[in-house]
Protein backbone atom coordinates (compact mmCIF):
# COMPACT_ATOMS: atom_id res chain seq x y z
CA MET A 1 0.00 0.00 0.00
CA THR A 2 1.35 3.43 -0.88
CA SER A 3 0.87 6.47 1.29
CA ASP A 4 -1.79 7.87 -1.06
CA GLN A 5 -3.98 4.75 -0.99
CA ALA A 6 -6.84 4.21 1.38
CA PRO A 7 -6.71 0.87 3.27
CA ASP A 8 -9.50 -0.57 1.09
CA GLN A 9 -7.45 0.14 -2.07
CA ALA A 10 -4.37 -1.81 -1.06
CA GLY A 11 -5.53 -5.23 -2.26
CA PRO A 12 -4.10 -8.59 -1.21
CA ALA A 13 -0.47 -9.60 -1.46
CA HIS A 14 -0.95 -11.50 -4.75
CA ALA A 15 -2.11 -8.40 -6.64
CA VAL A 16 0.75 -6.76 -8.48
CA ASP A 17 1.36 -3.41 -10.11
CA VAL A 18 -0.20 -3.25 -13.59
CA HIS A 19 3.13 -2.08 -15.00
CA SER A 20 5.29 -4.85 -13.53
CA ALA A 21 6.97 -7.29 -15.87
CA GLY A 22 5.82 -10.38 -13.94
CA ALA A 23 2.08 -9.73 -14.25
CA THR A 24 0.34 -12.53 -16.11
CA CYS A 25 -3.28 -11.39 -16.32
CA GLU A 26 -4.96 -7.98 -16.27
CA ILE A 27 -8.58 -7.85 -15.11
CA PHE A 28 -11.03 -5.04 -14.36
CA VAL A 29 -12.87 -4.85 -11.05
CA ASN A 30 -15.37 -2.01 -10.67
CA ARG A 31 -13.70 -0.33 -13.68
CA ARG A 32 -10.28 -0.43 -12.01
CA ARG A 33 -7.45 -2.38 -13.62
CA PHE A 34 -5.59 -5.04 -11.63
CA ALA A 35 -2.79 -7.31 -12.74
CA ILE A 36 -2.82 -10.63 -10.96
CA GLY A 37 -0.05 -13.18 -10.94
CA ASN A 38 -2.34 -16.21 -10.89
CA GLN A 39 -5.15 -16.88 -13.35
CA MET A 40 -6.90 -19.30 -10.98
CA VAL A 41 -8.55 -17.24 -8.23
CA THR A 42 -11.74 -17.35 -6.19
CA ALA A 43 -14.48 -14.76 -6.27
CA ALA A 44 -13.49 -13.97 -2.66
CA ASP A 45 -10.00 -13.11 -3.96
CA ILE A 46 -11.58 -10.72 -6.46
CA ALA A 47 -13.54 -9.03 -3.64
CA ALA A 48 -10.36 -8.78 -1.57
CA LEU A 49 -8.74 -6.69 -4.32
CA LEU A 50 -11.13 -3.91 -3.26
CA GLY A 51 -10.92 -4.64 0.45
CA VAL A 52 -14.44 -6.08 0.66
CA PRO A 53 -14.62 -9.00 3.14
CA ALA A 54 -15.94 -12.23 1.65
CA ASP A 55 -18.77 -12.45 4.20
CA ASN A 56 -20.16 -9.14 2.89
CA ALA A 57 -19.33 -9.41 -0.82
CA VAL A 58 -21.39 -10.01 -3.93
CA VAL A 59 -19.18 -10.69 -6.94
CA GLU A 60 -20.50 -10.71 -10.49
CA ARG A 61 -18.71 -11.42 -13.76
CA GLY A 62 -19.45 -9.60 -16.97
CA GLY A 63 -20.92 -11.89 -19.61
CA PRO A 64 -20.33 -11.76 -23.37
CA SER A 65 -23.59 -9.97 -24.10
CA GLY A 66 -23.28 -7.44 -21.27
CA GLU A 67 -25.21 -9.30 -18.57
CA TRP A 68 -23.77 -9.78 -15.08
CA VAL A 69 -23.60 -13.30 -13.65
CA ALA A 70 -23.39 -13.75 -9.86
CA LEU A 71 -20.53 -15.97 -8.67
CA SER A 72 -20.15 -18.25 -5.69
CA LEU A 73 -17.39 -16.83 -3.47
CA ALA A 74 -15.77 -20.23 -2.92
CA ASP A 75 -15.62 -21.35 -6.55
CA THR A 76 -12.28 -21.18 -8.34
CA LEU A 77 -12.43 -19.03 -11.46
CA ASP A 78 -10.29 -19.29 -14.55
CA VAL A 79 -9.80 -15.62 -15.41
CA HIS A 80 -8.64 -14.30 -18.74
CA PRO A 81 -7.03 -10.97 -19.64
CA GLY A 82 -9.70 -8.28 -19.91
CA ASP A 83 -12.33 -10.07 -17.80
CA THR A 84 -14.59 -7.66 -15.94
CA PHE A 85 -16.02 -8.07 -12.45
CA LEU A 86 -18.40 -6.07 -10.30
CA VAL A 87 -18.00 -6.21 -6.52
CA THR A 88 -20.69 -4.80 -4.24
CA ARG A 89 -21.44 -5.12 -0.55
CA GLN A 90 -24.46 -7.11 0.63
CA PHE A 91 -25.08 -4.54 3.34
CA VAL A 92 -23.58 -1.29 4.53
CA MET A 93 -23.44 -0.45 8.21
CA GLY A 94 -23.86 3.20 9.00
CA GLY A 95 -25.10 5.43 11.67
CA HIS A 96 -25.67 8.95 12.72
CA GLY A 97 -23.39 10.20 15.49
């Protein structure tokens, strides 16, 4: 994590800089580009790229005709360069102080 990143933007240890030579697969999550070093990941790993805990995440994959398909968080996905994902929270806790 760099000093200008919020904690939820840091991503997990297996995410790498999109400009690094060792990156094997670039994907888009919520319109942000990530380069991952492993093409076999879980939907929970995708959610972790944005700092969303698996127990609160809904992960969808963009389909060929523009539809979004919900994914099981535990299933292993074979991702390909350019794949798009949408990560949302199931619920948001908030309050008024």
